Amino acid sequence: MSNNDISDDLTEKIKILATDDEKIKSFGELFTNDSSREILQLLFNEELTATQIVQKTDISLQLVKYHLNKLQSLGIVKISKIKKTLNLKI
């Protein structure tokens, strides 16, 4: 196989996206954010609810939900189960 064959093979398999692509920007924002990285690290090890993530970190529930929504929209995480809870007040 000549160098030209190798070069042609590589160019057929590699796609370069523009740096102004919104998805790339979103990935960059998430991966440079401490909270996002902390959430991802927890989710690499086990499935957790948003409330469990809050309990294991110093991140507010609102911020956890924000990051989970961003991660889900990028296809990095997915919801595996939805469970409703009742809040009762006397």
C-alpha atoms as a PDB file:
ATOM      1  CA  MET A   1       0.000   0.000   0.000  1.00  0.00           C
ATOM      2  CA  SER A   2       1.510   3.321  -1.034  1.00  0.00           C
ATOM      3  CA  ASN A   3       1.398   6.567   0.958  1.00  0.00           C
ATOM      4  CA  ASN A   4      -1.240   7.911  -1.437  1.00  0.00           C
ATOM      5  CA  ASP A   5      -3.466   4.881  -0.730  1.00  0.00           C
ATOM      6  CA  ILE A   6      -3.120   5.458   3.008  1.00  0.00           C
ATOM      7  CA  SER A   7      -3.828   9.164   2.598  1.00  0.00           C
ATOM      8  CA  ASP A   8      -6.927   8.491   0.477  1.00  0.00           C
ATOM      9  CA  ASP A   9      -8.165   5.925   2.998  1.00  0.00           C
ATOM     10  CA  LEU A  10      -7.840   8.401   5.882  1.00  0.00           C
ATOM     11  CA  THR A  11      -9.624  11.233   4.098  1.00  0.00           C
ATOM     12  CA  GLU A  12     -12.573   8.944   3.372  1.00  0.00           C
ATOM     13  CA  LYS A  13     -13.068   8.120   7.055  1.00  0.00           C
ATOM     14  CA  ILE A  14     -12.438  11.463   8.737  1.00  0.00           C
ATOM     15  CA  LYS A  15     -14.979  14.230   8.817  1.00  0.00           C
ATOM     16  CA  ILE A  16     -13.973  17.658  10.048  1.00  0.00           C
ATOM     17  CA  LEU A  17     -16.673  19.886  11.448  1.00  0.00           C
ATOM     18  CA  ALA A  18     -16.465  23.658  11.467  1.00  0.00           C
ATOM     19  CA  THR A  19     -15.423  25.140  14.791  1.00  0.00           C
ATOM     20  CA  ASP A  20     -18.503  27.354  14.828  1.00  0.00           C
ATOM     21  CA  ASP A  21     -20.773  24.301  14.943  1.00  0.00           C
ATOM     22  CA  GLU A  22     -23.133  24.672  17.931  1.00  0.00           C
ATOM     23  CA  LYS A  23     -22.759  21.036  18.969  1.00  0.00           C
ATOM     24  CA  ILE A  24     -18.972  21.393  19.220  1.00  0.00           C
ATOM     25  CA  LYS A  25     -19.402  24.563  21.280  1.00  0.00           C
ATOM     26  CA  SER A  26     -21.811  22.773  23.607  1.00  0.00           C
ATOM     27  CA  PHE A  27     -19.405  19.851  24.058  1.00  0.00           C
ATOM     28  CA  GLY A  28     -16.607  22.290  24.838  1.00  0.00           C
ATOM     29  CA  GLU A  29     -18.686  24.185  27.379  1.00  0.00           C
ATOM     30  CA  LEU A  30     -19.727  20.993  29.150  1.00  0.00           C
ATOM     31  CA  PHE A  31     -16.299  19.407  29.259  1.00  0.00           C
ATOM     32  CA  THR A  32     -14.629  22.561  30.570  1.00  0.00           C
ATOM     33  CA  ASN A  33     -17.227  22.935  33.319  1.00  0.00           C
ATOM     34  CA  ASP A  34     -16.324  21.417  36.707  1.00  0.00           C
ATOM     35  CA  SER A  35     -19.936  20.522  37.541  1.00  0.00           C
ATOM     36  CA  SER A  36     -20.511  18.727  34.235  1.00  0.00           C
ATOM     37  CA  ARG A  37     -17.314  16.740  34.600  1.00  0.00           C
ATOM     38  CA  GLU A  38     -18.191  15.807  38.187  1.00  0.00           C
ATOM     39  CA  ILE A  39     -21.653  14.627  37.109  1.00  0.00           C
ATOM     40  CA  LEU A  40     -20.189  12.619  34.225  1.00  0.00           C
ATOM     41  CA  GLN A  41     -17.651  10.994  36.533  1.00  0.00           C
ATOM     42  CA  LEU A  42     -20.429   9.862  38.875  1.00  0.00           C
ATOM     43  CA  LEU A  43     -22.528   8.531  35.999  1.00  0.00           C
ATOM     44  CA  PHE A  44     -19.595   6.560  34.576  1.00  0.00           C
ATOM     45  CA  ASN A  45     -19.661   4.471  37.742  1.00  0.00           C
ATOM     46  CA  GLU A  46     -23.400   3.979  38.281  1.00  0.00           C
ATOM     47  CA  GLU A  47     -26.912   5.047  37.315  1.00  0.00           C
ATOM     48  CA  LEU A  48     -28.117   7.849  39.555  1.00  0.00           C
ATOM     49  CA  THR A  49     -31.130  10.102  39.908  1.00  0.00           C
ATOM     50  CA  ALA A  50     -30.711  13.867  39.883  1.00  0.00           C
ATOM     51  CA  THR A  51     -31.415  13.861  43.631  1.00  0.00           C
ATOM     52  CA  GLN A  52     -28.690  11.266  44.241  1.00  0.00           C
ATOM     53  CA  ILE A  53     -26.217  13.385  42.277  1.00  0.00           C
ATOM     54  CA  VAL A  54     -27.123  16.383  44.468  1.00  0.00           C
ATOM     55  CA  GLN A  55     -26.536  14.275  47.598  1.00  0.00           C
ATOM     56  CA  LYS A  56     -23.096  13.147  46.370  1.00  0.00           C
ATOM     57  CA  THR A  57     -21.956  16.626  45.291  1.00  0.00           C
ATOM     58  CA  ASP A  58     -22.249  20.266  46.292  1.00  0.00           C
ATOM     59  CA  ILE A  59     -24.213  21.015  43.112  1.00  0.00           C
ATOM     60  CA  SER A  60     -27.763  22.381  43.408  1.00  0.00           C
ATOM     61  CA  LEU A  61     -30.671  20.375  42.008  1.00  0.00           C
ATOM     62  CA  GLN A  62     -31.431  23.122  39.504  1.00  0.00           C
ATOM     63  CA  LEU A  63     -27.852  23.065  38.196  1.00  0.00           C
ATOM     64  CA  VAL A  64     -27.754  19.248  38.098  1.00  0.00           C
ATOM     65  CA  LYS A  65     -30.940  19.211  36.017  1.00  0.00           C
ATOM     66  CA  TYR A  66     -29.506  21.895  33.712  1.00  0.00           C
ATOM     67  CA  HIS A  67     -26.336  19.872  33.080  1.00  0.00           C
ATOM     68  CA  LEU A  68     -28.268  16.601  32.661  1.00  0.00           C
ATOM     69  CA  ASN A  69     -30.543  18.233  30.085  1.00  0.00           C
ATOM     70  CA  LYS A  70     -27.515  19.523  28.150  1.00  0.00           C
ATOM     71  CA  LEU A  71     -25.783  16.140  28.353  1.00  0.00           C
ATOM     72  CA  GLN A  72     -28.968  14.399  27.217  1.00  0.00           C
ATOM     73  CA  SER A  73     -29.491  16.789  24.281  1.00  0.00           C
ATOM     74  CA  LEU A  74     -25.955  16.000  23.088  1.00  0.00           C
ATOM     75  CA  GLY A  75     -26.573  12.253  23.380  1.00  0.00           C
ATOM     76  CA  ILE A  76     -23.977  11.786  26.125  1.00  0.00           C
ATOM     77  CA  VAL A  77     -26.421  10.534  28.763  1.00  0.00           C
ATOM     78  CA  LYS A  78     -29.896   9.074  28.545  1.00  0.00           C
ATOM     79  CA  ILE A  79     -32.743   8.605  30.957  1.00  0.00           C
ATOM     80  CA  SER A  80     -33.009   4.928  31.801  1.00  0.00           C
ATOM     81  CA  LYS A  81     -36.068   5.116  34.044  1.00  0.00           C
ATOM     82  CA  ILE A  82     -38.568   7.774  35.095  1.00  0.00           C
ATOM     83  CA  LYS A  83     -40.023   7.541  38.556  1.00  0.00           C
ATOM     84  CA  LYS A  84     -42.555   9.956  39.978  1.00  0.00           C
ATOM     85  CA  THR A  85     -42.524  10.897  43.624  1.00  0.00           C
ATOM     86  CA  LEU A  86     -45.295  12.382  45.702  1.00  0.00           C
ATOM     87  CA  ASN A  87     -44.709  15.366  47.900  1.00  0.00           C
ATOM     88  CA  LEU A  88     -47.297  15.399  50.656  1.00  0.00           C
ATOM     89  CA  LYS A  89     -48.090  18.403  52.767  1.00  0.00           C
ATOM     90  CA  ILE A  90     -50.135  18.493  55.965  1.00  0.00           C
END
